Each structure stands twice: as structure tokens, then as C-alpha cells.
Amino acid sequence: MRTRLTTVPSTGRSVRDPLLRQILAVDVEGSTLRTNLTKGDLRRIMYALLDRALRATGIDRKHLEKPVDRGDGVLLLFRPHDDVPKTLLLGQLIPRLASLLAEHNASVTEPALQVRLRVVFHAGEIHDDGWGFYGEDLDVAFRLLDSPSVKRAFKAEPERPLVLVVSDEIHHAIIRHGYVDVGPYAGSVRVCVAKRYRRGRVHFPAPLPAARAKPPLRVPALVIAAPPSRSSEGTTADQFALVSGTGGH
């Protein structure tokens, strides 16, 4: 006889109840080739840029589940809310992040501190058991993000700061109808999850103009960044963001 766990985690949600979430996962290109110290720098840059992009788009903590750190990337889960439609993420957040990446990469002199990101956008049902999030739709998102086809397409465009993989579900619901133009269509990718093939579309979003990429003057608390911690040189994460050109205006 099979027994199902029905405990309720600290979130107050039933383990058995699925949660509809918009899924945005980010990975730093080539992080395994960097030293541990450089990886730490890249993580701080990635979080600082993501935080700036979220704040500039009007997204704050109430719209997000707690971010899931993945070492060389991060998983963001957006709660269903009229304030954060899919068009906002596709049409503003991701192009704004691309603009901030381009700005950062142009400002650093050390090649190892330049950052390029692979991003996947999907949506679906997930579960939260108190330890973390899981579910087939997360498997689909990560398979698309880590696809060798996506990595090859990104490697072939060394001047692009960001490559976006859009799941077929998002493509058919949003892009196909012309709600958002996410940039050139650079191919497709197919992955197998649960013995079913799932498809994604590869795009290179055009960065927003510099003037539109700046966050608002009234800056709220950090959205996703961890509390500042001091490195061996005594530089906090926030200070690092400022000196590396990733801080707010």
C-alpha cells in the first residue's frame, strides 16, 4: 500500500497542492572555468544586476517566492499577480537585465569579471514541501536552460550579453499573439522530460535604451540580494557592486 505524505510545511501550504508560478531561471555562462574567488565575484555581480533589474521594473519581494540559489545561477518564482504579467517579464525585465549586463561588461577591464547569462522563461505547476520547490515544470525549465543547443547558440554570439529560452507554452500564449517582441528568433531546442518532448525558442533580446534601464530615484529595500557579507579584503557585497559598475544610480 502506498502512503502519501500530507504534512504541511512551515509555509502553511499543503504538500499535495500544486502552485501556479512563473518560472525564471538564470545561469552564468562558463562559471565552471573560473576560480572559486572569481565565482564569488560573479555571483555578487549577478545578484546586484538582477536586483537592479527587478527594482527598475517595479517588482519587489511580495511578488516573489524566496529565490533559490543554484551556485552559478538563481531560480526566481513569480506569484500569480496582476502586477507581474508575463508581458512585463518578457518586455521589460529581461531586456532591462540585458542592458545592465552590457553596461557592466563595457565598464570592467578584467575579462574574467564580464558576465553573460542564459535565461529560461516558463510557467506551470510546482510544489513546495518546506525544503524547496519541485515539479515537472521546473524539470522542463532547467532542461531547456541547460540544453547543449542553447549553449552552442550563445557561444556563437560572443557580443550578446544574454540569451533567452522561451518555453513553447509561453511562446504560444504571449509571443505568437504579438503582445511582446523579444528579439531575433535564433532557433529552437527540444528536450525530453517524463518521456515527452518539450520545445523552447531561442531569442537574443534587444537591451533597453540606457535611459530606460535606470532604476527609479526612490530605491526600496533589496529584492533578492543576501545581506552584505565581508570578503577577505573587507569589501561588502554592496560596495563591490558599486565599484564594479553594478550599483544603483
C-alpha atoms as a PDB file:
ATOM      1  CA  MET A   1       0.000   0.000   0.000  1.00  0.00           C
ATOM      2  CA  ARG A   2       1.354   3.406  -0.995  1.00  0.00           C
ATOM      3  CA  THR A   3       1.336   6.178   1.595  1.00  0.00           C
ATOM      4  CA  ARG A   4       1.294   9.845   0.643  1.00  0.00           C
ATOM      5  CA  LEU A   5       2.794  12.433   2.947  1.00  0.00           C
ATOM      6  CA  THR A   6       0.227  15.081   3.753  1.00  0.00           C
ATOM      7  CA  THR A   7       2.218  17.161   6.189  1.00  0.00           C
ATOM      8  CA  VAL A   8       2.054  20.911   5.898  1.00  0.00           C
ATOM      9  CA  PRO A   9       5.446  22.681   5.724  1.00  0.00           C
ATOM     10  CA  SER A  10       6.300  25.898   7.513  1.00  0.00           C
ATOM     11  CA  THR A  11       4.817  27.880   4.613  1.00  0.00           C
ATOM     12  CA  GLY A  12       1.348  26.695   5.657  1.00  0.00           C
ATOM     13  CA  ARG A  13       0.727  25.128   2.255  1.00  0.00           C
ATOM     14  CA  SER A  14      -0.274  21.529   1.682  1.00  0.00           C
ATOM     15  CA  VAL A  15       2.490  19.476   0.044  1.00  0.00           C
ATOM     16  CA  ARG A  16      -0.070  17.921  -2.268  1.00  0.00           C
ATOM     17  CA  ASP A  17      -1.457  21.191  -3.611  1.00  0.00           C
ATOM     18  CA  PRO A  18       0.272  22.496  -6.759  1.00  0.00           C
ATOM     19  CA  LEU A  19       1.166  26.172  -7.025  1.00  0.00           C
ATOM     20  CA  LEU A  20       0.978  28.048 -10.299  1.00  0.00           C
ATOM     21  CA  ARG A  21       4.150  30.085 -10.744  1.00  0.00           C
ATOM     22  CA  GLN A  22       6.004  31.913 -13.487  1.00  0.00           C
ATOM     23  CA  ILE A  23       9.482  30.383 -13.693  1.00  0.00           C
ATOM     24  CA  LEU A  24      12.600  32.386 -14.489  1.00  0.00           C
ATOM     25  CA  ALA A  25      15.951  30.634 -14.114  1.00  0.00           C
ATOM     26  CA  VAL A  26      19.360  32.209 -14.762  1.00  0.00           C
ATOM     27  CA  ASP A  27      22.786  30.660 -15.301  1.00  0.00           C
ATOM     28  CA  VAL A  28      26.201  32.338 -15.629  1.00  0.00           C
ATOM     29  CA  GLU A  29      27.992  31.199 -18.769  1.00  0.00           C
ATOM     30  CA  GLY A  30      31.328  29.432 -18.285  1.00  0.00           C
ATOM     31  CA  SER A  31      31.321  29.574 -14.489  1.00  0.00           C
ATOM     32  CA  THR A  32      32.958  26.147 -14.138  1.00  0.00           C
ATOM     33  CA  LEU A  33      36.061  27.532 -15.858  1.00  0.00           C
ATOM     34  CA  ARG A  34      36.573  30.254 -13.218  1.00  0.00           C
ATOM     35  CA  THR A  35      38.394  30.050  -9.913  1.00  0.00           C
ATOM     36  CA  ASN A  36      36.375  29.925  -6.703  1.00  0.00           C
ATOM     37  CA  LEU A  37      37.276  33.531  -5.864  1.00  0.00           C
ATOM     38  CA  THR A  38      36.168  34.706  -9.300  1.00  0.00           C
ATOM     39  CA  LYS A  39      32.969  32.683  -8.986  1.00  0.00           C
ATOM     40  CA  GLY A  40      32.220  34.593  -5.803  1.00  0.00           C
ATOM     41  CA  ASP A  41      32.704  37.897  -7.619  1.00  0.00           C
ATOM     42  CA  LEU A  42      30.454  36.761 -10.479  1.00  0.00           C
ATOM     43  CA  ARG A  43      27.743  35.729  -8.036  1.00  0.00           C
ATOM     44  CA  ARG A  44      27.749  39.165  -6.400  1.00  0.00           C
ATOM     45  CA  ILE A  45      27.607  40.844  -9.805  1.00  0.00           C
ATOM     46  CA  MET A  46      24.773  38.581 -10.963  1.00  0.00           C
ATOM     47  CA  TYR A  47      22.682  39.254  -7.858  1.00  0.00           C
ATOM     48  CA  ALA A  48      23.337  43.001  -7.987  1.00  0.00           C
ATOM     49  CA  LEU A  49      22.279  43.224 -11.630  1.00  0.00           C
ATOM     50  CA  LEU A  50      19.195  41.081 -11.087  1.00  0.00           C
ATOM     51  CA  ASP A  51      18.198  43.198  -8.115  1.00  0.00           C
ATOM     52  CA  ARG A  52      18.566  46.399 -10.114  1.00  0.00           C
ATOM     53  CA  ALA A  53      16.548  44.977 -12.999  1.00  0.00           C
ATOM     54  CA  LEU A  54      13.752  43.809 -10.695  1.00  0.00           C
ATOM     55  CA  ARG A  55      13.555  47.128  -8.837  1.00  0.00           C
ATOM     56  CA  ALA A  56      13.606  49.122 -12.072  1.00  0.00           C
ATOM     57  CA  THR A  57      10.721  47.001 -13.373  1.00  0.00           C
ATOM     58  CA  GLY A  58       8.676  47.622 -10.224  1.00  0.00           C
ATOM     59  CA  ILE A  59       8.968  44.075  -8.882  1.00  0.00           C
ATOM     60  CA  ASP A  60       9.598  43.580  -5.152  1.00  0.00           C
ATOM     61  CA  ARG A  61       9.601  40.824  -2.550  1.00  0.00           C
ATOM     62  CA  LYS A  62       5.834  40.453  -2.373  1.00  0.00           C
ATOM     63  CA  HIS A  63       5.795  39.254  -5.988  1.00  0.00           C
ATOM     64  CA  LEU A  64       8.403  36.533  -5.461  1.00  0.00           C
ATOM     65  CA  GLU A  65       8.948  33.298  -3.633  1.00  0.00           C
ATOM     66  CA  LYS A  66      12.271  33.203  -1.798  1.00  0.00           C
ATOM     67  CA  PRO A  67      14.947  32.983  -4.527  1.00  0.00           C
ATOM     68  CA  VAL A  68      16.651  29.606  -4.891  1.00  0.00           C
ATOM     69  CA  ASP A  69      20.425  29.889  -5.226  1.00  0.00           C
ATOM     70  CA  ARG A  70      21.975  27.411  -7.683  1.00  0.00           C
ATOM     71  CA  GLY A  71      25.673  28.173  -7.237  1.00  0.00           C
ATOM     72  CA  ASP A  72      26.225  29.646 -10.689  1.00  0.00           C
ATOM     73  CA  GLY A  73      22.679  30.857 -11.104  1.00  0.00           C
ATOM     74  CA  VAL A  74      19.370  31.521  -9.411  1.00  0.00           C
ATOM     75  CA  LEU A  75      15.756  30.408  -9.698  1.00  0.00           C
ATOM     76  CA  LEU A  76      13.054  33.074  -9.412  1.00  0.00           C
ATOM     77  CA  LEU A  77       9.416  32.070  -8.983  1.00  0.00           C
ATOM     78  CA  PHE A  78       6.852  34.821  -9.514  1.00  0.00           C
ATOM     79  CA  ARG A  79       3.482  34.532  -7.802  1.00  0.00           C
ATOM     80  CA  PRO A  80       0.390  34.987  -9.967  1.00  0.00           C
ATOM     81  CA  HIS A  81      -0.392  38.662  -9.623  1.00  0.00           C
ATOM     82  CA  ASP A  82      -1.816  41.305 -11.928  1.00  0.00           C
ATOM     83  CA  ASP A  83       1.211  43.489 -11.147  1.00  0.00           C
ATOM     84  CA  VAL A  84       3.599  40.995 -12.789  1.00  0.00           C
ATOM     85  CA  PRO A  85       2.082  39.737 -16.044  1.00  0.00           C
ATOM     86  CA  LYS A  86       4.199  37.654 -18.409  1.00  0.00           C
ATOM     87  CA  THR A  87       4.428  40.644 -20.733  1.00  0.00           C
ATOM     88  CA  LEU A  88       6.199  42.638 -18.004  1.00  0.00           C
ATOM     89  CA  LEU A  89       8.848  39.966 -17.558  1.00  0.00           C
ATOM     90  CA  LEU A  90       9.371  39.459 -21.285  1.00  0.00           C
ATOM     91  CA  GLY A  91       9.038  43.052 -22.413  1.00  0.00           C
ATOM     92  CA  GLN A  92      10.778  44.906 -19.588  1.00  0.00           C
ATOM     93  CA  LEU A  93      12.614  42.791 -17.017  1.00  0.00           C
ATOM     94  CA  ILE A  94      14.645  40.668 -19.415  1.00  0.00           C
ATOM     95  CA  PRO A  95      15.586  43.497 -21.846  1.00  0.00           C
ATOM     96  CA  ARG A  96      16.480  45.660 -18.831  1.00  0.00           C
ATOM     97  CA  LEU A  97      18.721  42.887 -17.485  1.00  0.00           C
ATOM     98  CA  ALA A  98      20.371  42.597 -20.908  1.00  0.00           C
ATOM     99  CA  SER A  99      21.037  46.346 -20.872  1.00  0.00           C
ATOM    100  CA  LEU A 100      22.565  46.237 -17.390  1.00  0.00           C
ATOM    101  CA  LEU A 101      24.764  43.311 -18.400  1.00  0.00           C
ATOM    102  CA  ALA A 102      26.016  45.184 -21.456  1.00  0.00           C
ATOM    103  CA  GLU A 103      26.675  48.259 -19.307  1.00  0.00           C
ATOM    104  CA  HIS A 104      28.596  46.210 -16.747  1.00  0.00           C
ATOM    105  CA  ASN A 105      30.678  44.338 -19.332  1.00  0.00           C
ATOM    106  CA  ALA A 106      31.651  47.594 -21.020  1.00  0.00           C
ATOM    107  CA  SER A 107      32.795  49.045 -17.694  1.00  0.00           C
ATOM    108  CA  VAL A 108      35.097  46.269 -16.434  1.00  0.00           C
ATOM    109  CA  THR A 109      38.681  45.877 -17.600  1.00  0.00           C
ATOM    110  CA  GLU A 110      39.193  42.349 -16.316  1.00  0.00           C
ATOM    111  CA  PRO A 111      37.717  39.801 -18.791  1.00  0.00           C
ATOM    112  CA  ALA A 112      37.097  37.269 -16.000  1.00  0.00           C
ATOM    113  CA  LEU A 113      34.556  39.650 -14.437  1.00  0.00           C
ATOM    114  CA  GLN A 114      32.465  40.013 -17.564  1.00  0.00           C
ATOM    115  CA  VAL A 115      29.119  38.264 -17.182  1.00  0.00           C
ATOM    116  CA  ARG A 116      26.919  36.603 -19.778  1.00  0.00           C
ATOM    117  CA  LEU A 117      23.673  34.940 -18.745  1.00  0.00           C
ATOM    118  CA  ARG A 118      21.484  32.164 -20.066  1.00  0.00           C
ATOM    119  CA  VAL A 119      17.864  32.714 -19.050  1.00  0.00           C
ATOM    120  CA  VAL A 120      14.790  30.490 -19.387  1.00  0.00           C
ATOM    121  CA  PHE A 121      11.175  31.608 -19.028  1.00  0.00           C
ATOM    122  CA  HIS A 122       8.421  29.065 -18.406  1.00  0.00           C
ATOM    123  CA  ALA A 123       5.305  28.770 -16.268  1.00  0.00           C
ATOM    124  CA  GLY A 124       3.457  25.900 -14.650  1.00  0.00           C
ATOM    125  CA  GLU A 125       2.526  23.954 -11.568  1.00  0.00           C
ATOM    126  CA  ILE A 126       5.127  23.343  -8.862  1.00  0.00           C
ATOM    127  CA  HIS A 127       5.190  22.039  -5.291  1.00  0.00           C
ATOM    128  CA  ASP A 128       6.713  23.384  -2.080  1.00  0.00           C
ATOM    129  CA  ASP A 129       7.414  20.814   0.638  1.00  0.00           C
ATOM    130  CA  GLY A 130       9.248  23.126   3.020  1.00  0.00           C
ATOM    131  CA  TRP A 131      12.680  22.010   1.844  1.00  0.00           C
ATOM    132  CA  GLY A 132      12.283  23.577  -1.553  1.00  0.00           C
ATOM    133  CA  PHE A 133      10.400  23.586  -4.827  1.00  0.00           C
ATOM    134  CA  TYR A 134       9.984  20.689  -7.215  1.00  0.00           C
ATOM    135  CA  GLY A 135       7.821  19.536 -10.094  1.00  0.00           C
ATOM    136  CA  GLU A 136       7.836  18.570 -13.738  1.00  0.00           C
ATOM    137  CA  ASP A 137       7.569  22.157 -14.953  1.00  0.00           C
ATOM    138  CA  LEU A 138      10.778  23.017 -13.105  1.00  0.00           C
ATOM    139  CA  ASP A 139      12.415  19.990 -14.764  1.00  0.00           C
ATOM    140  CA  VAL A 140      11.319  21.327 -18.140  1.00  0.00           C
ATOM    141  CA  ALA A 141      12.715  24.794 -17.415  1.00  0.00           C
ATOM    142  CA  PHE A 142      16.119  23.522 -16.314  1.00  0.00           C
ATOM    143  CA  ARG A 143      16.406  21.067 -19.210  1.00  0.00           C
ATOM    144  CA  LEU A 144      15.745  23.909 -21.634  1.00  0.00           C
ATOM    145  CA  LEU A 145      18.214  26.201 -19.852  1.00  0.00           C
ATOM    146  CA  ASP A 146      20.979  23.582 -19.843  1.00  0.00           C
ATOM    147  CA  SER A 147      20.422  22.353 -23.396  1.00  0.00           C
ATOM    148  CA  PRO A 148      23.657  21.976 -25.406  1.00  0.00           C
ATOM    149  CA  SER A 149      21.851  23.624 -28.344  1.00  0.00           C
ATOM    150  CA  VAL A 150      21.275  26.769 -26.306  1.00  0.00           C
ATOM    151  CA  LYS A 151      24.882  26.831 -25.134  1.00  0.00           C
ATOM    152  CA  ARG A 152      26.132  26.469 -28.717  1.00  0.00           C
ATOM    153  CA  ALA A 153      23.856  29.254 -29.949  1.00  0.00           C
ATOM    154  CA  PHE A 154      25.107  31.546 -27.173  1.00  0.00           C
ATOM    155  CA  LYS A 155      28.743  30.710 -27.805  1.00  0.00           C
ATOM    156  CA  ALA A 156      28.269  31.651 -31.463  1.00  0.00           C
ATOM    157  CA  GLU A 157      27.201  35.177 -30.411  1.00  0.00           C
ATOM    158  CA  PRO A 158      30.062  36.376 -28.160  1.00  0.00           C
ATOM    159  CA  GLU A 159      28.890  40.017 -28.231  1.00  0.00           C
ATOM    160  CA  ARG A 160      25.450  39.198 -26.814  1.00  0.00           C
ATOM    161  CA  PRO A 161      25.162  39.576 -23.029  1.00  0.00           C
ATOM    162  CA  LEU A 162      22.077  37.386 -22.657  1.00  0.00           C
ATOM    163  CA  VAL A 163      20.321  34.517 -24.404  1.00  0.00           C
ATOM    164  CA  LEU A 164      16.681  33.771 -23.621  1.00  0.00           C
ATOM    165  CA  VAL A 165      14.948  30.411 -23.970  1.00  0.00           C
ATOM    166  CA  VAL A 166      11.162  30.707 -24.033  1.00  0.00           C
ATOM    167  CA  SER A 167       9.122  27.561 -23.488  1.00  0.00           C
ATOM    168  CA  ASP A 168       6.566  26.607 -26.105  1.00  0.00           C
ATOM    169  CA  GLU A 169       3.784  27.407 -23.630  1.00  0.00           C
ATOM    170  CA  ILE A 170       4.997  30.990 -23.195  1.00  0.00           C
ATOM    171  CA  HIS A 171       5.632  31.378 -26.905  1.00  0.00           C
ATOM    172  CA  HIS A 172       2.117  30.314 -27.873  1.00  0.00           C
ATOM    173  CA  ALA A 173       0.414  32.349 -25.145  1.00  0.00           C
ATOM    174  CA  ILE A 174       2.363  35.606 -25.455  1.00  0.00           C
ATOM    175  CA  ILE A 175       4.847  35.951 -28.306  1.00  0.00           C
ATOM    176  CA  ARG A 176       2.787  34.342 -31.067  1.00  0.00           C
ATOM    177  CA  HIS A 177      -0.023  36.844 -30.497  1.00  0.00           C
ATOM    178  CA  GLY A 178       2.357  39.792 -30.741  1.00  0.00           C
ATOM    179  CA  TYR A 179       1.987  41.001 -27.158  1.00  0.00           C
ATOM    180  CA  VAL A 180       5.784  41.266 -26.835  1.00  0.00           C
ATOM    181  CA  ASP A 181       8.664  41.300 -29.291  1.00  0.00           C
ATOM    182  CA  VAL A 182      11.536  39.542 -27.531  1.00  0.00           C
ATOM    183  CA  GLY A 183      14.070  39.975 -30.315  1.00  0.00           C
ATOM    184  CA  PRO A 184      15.534  37.794 -33.056  1.00  0.00           C
ATOM    185  CA  TYR A 185      14.443  34.184 -33.230  1.00  0.00           C
ATOM    186  CA  ALA A 186      17.682  32.217 -33.314  1.00  0.00           C
ATOM    187  CA  GLY A 187      16.398  28.658 -33.435  1.00  0.00           C
ATOM    188  CA  SER A 188      14.593  26.123 -31.325  1.00  0.00           C
ATOM    189  CA  VAL A 189      15.524  23.444 -28.824  1.00  0.00           C
ATOM    190  CA  ARG A 190      13.843  20.168 -27.919  1.00  0.00           C
ATOM    191  CA  VAL A 191      14.291  18.285 -24.655  1.00  0.00           C
ATOM    192  CA  CYS A 192      12.745  15.112 -23.277  1.00  0.00           C
ATOM    193  CA  VAL A 193      11.078  15.242 -19.853  1.00  0.00           C
ATOM    194  CA  ALA A 194       8.928  12.393 -18.484  1.00  0.00           C
ATOM    195  CA  LYS A 195       9.132  10.627 -21.868  1.00  0.00           C
ATOM    196  CA  ARG A 196       7.634  13.641 -23.599  1.00  0.00           C
ATOM    197  CA  TYR A 197       9.417  16.081 -25.872  1.00  0.00           C
ATOM    198  CA  ARG A 198       9.172  19.731 -24.860  1.00  0.00           C
ATOM    199  CA  ARG A 199      10.222  22.602 -27.067  1.00  0.00           C
ATOM    200  CA  GLY A 200      11.745  26.024 -26.468  1.00  0.00           C
ATOM    201  CA  ARG A 201      12.508  29.020 -28.680  1.00  0.00           C
ATOM    202  CA  VAL A 202      15.893  30.753 -28.528  1.00  0.00           C
ATOM    203  CA  HIS A 203      15.991  34.556 -28.634  1.00  0.00           C
ATOM    204  CA  PHE A 204      18.536  37.335 -28.162  1.00  0.00           C
ATOM    205  CA  PRO A 205      16.558  40.161 -26.518  1.00  0.00           C
ATOM    206  CA  ALA A 206      17.486  43.687 -27.522  1.00  0.00           C
ATOM    207  CA  PRO A 207      18.671  45.712 -24.495  1.00  0.00           C
ATOM    208  CA  LEU A 208      16.513  48.633 -23.435  1.00  0.00           C
ATOM    209  CA  PRO A 209      17.923  52.097 -24.151  1.00  0.00           C
ATOM    210  CA  ALA A 210      20.232  53.241 -21.349  1.00  0.00           C
ATOM    211  CA  ALA A 211      17.847  55.916 -20.084  1.00  0.00           C
ATOM    212  CA  ARG A 212      15.078  53.356 -19.557  1.00  0.00           C
ATOM    213  CA  ALA A 213      17.379  50.887 -17.836  1.00  0.00           C
ATOM    214  CA  LYS A 214      17.962  53.084 -14.783  1.00  0.00           C
ATOM    215  CA  PRO A 215      16.034  52.224 -11.623  1.00  0.00           C
ATOM    216  CA  PRO A 216      13.677  54.774 -10.081  1.00  0.00           C
ATOM    217  CA  LEU A 217      15.049  57.505  -7.823  1.00  0.00           C
ATOM    218  CA  ARG A 218      13.296  56.146  -4.725  1.00  0.00           C
ATOM    219  CA  VAL A 219      15.072  52.850  -4.147  1.00  0.00           C
ATOM    220  CA  PRO A 220      13.322  50.327  -1.845  1.00  0.00           C
ATOM    221  CA  ALA A 221      14.989  47.509   0.063  1.00  0.00           C
ATOM    222  CA  LEU A 222      16.926  44.910  -1.871  1.00  0.00           C
ATOM    223  CA  VAL A 223      14.622  42.420  -3.584  1.00  0.00           C
ATOM    224  CA  ILE A 224      16.770  39.294  -3.815  1.00  0.00           C
ATOM    225  CA  ALA A 225      20.297  40.112  -2.651  1.00  0.00           C
ATOM    226  CA  ALA A 226      21.598  38.462   0.502  1.00  0.00           C
ATOM    227  CA  PRO A 227      22.675  40.631   3.459  1.00  0.00           C
ATOM    228  CA  PRO A 228      26.123  42.138   2.832  1.00  0.00           C
ATOM    229  CA  SER A 229      28.990  39.929   3.955  1.00  0.00           C
ATOM    230  CA  ARG A 230      32.617  40.986   4.156  1.00  0.00           C
ATOM    231  CA  SER A 231      35.216  39.394   1.934  1.00  0.00           C
ATOM    232  CA  SER A 232      38.813  38.870   2.997  1.00  0.00           C
ATOM    233  CA  GLU A 233      39.530  42.405   1.756  1.00  0.00           C
ATOM    234  CA  GLY A 234      36.734  43.833   3.906  1.00  0.00           C
ATOM    235  CA  THR A 235      34.571  44.866   0.926  1.00  0.00           C
ATOM    236  CA  THR A 236      30.859  44.301   1.316  1.00  0.00           C
ATOM    237  CA  ALA A 237      28.737  42.927  -1.498  1.00  0.00           C
ATOM    238  CA  ASP A 238      27.029  46.306  -1.882  1.00  0.00           C
ATOM    239  CA  GLN A 239      30.354  48.113  -2.070  1.00  0.00           C
ATOM    240  CA  PHE A 240      31.579  45.601  -4.624  1.00  0.00           C
ATOM    241  CA  ALA A 241      28.510  46.272  -6.754  1.00  0.00           C
ATOM    242  CA  LEU A 242      29.256  49.975  -6.731  1.00  0.00           C
ATOM    243  CA  VAL A 243      32.942  49.765  -7.572  1.00  0.00           C
ATOM    244  CA  SER A 244      32.352  47.203 -10.317  1.00  0.00           C
ATOM    245  CA  GLY A 245      29.767  49.384 -12.029  1.00  0.00           C
ATOM    246  CA  THR A 246      26.755  47.279 -10.985  1.00  0.00           C
ATOM    247  CA  GLY A 247      25.368  49.517  -8.267  1.00  0.00           C
ATOM    248  CA  GLY A 248      22.240  51.633  -8.405  1.00  0.00           C
ATOM    249  CA  HIS A 249      22.047  55.274  -9.524  1.00  0.00           C
END
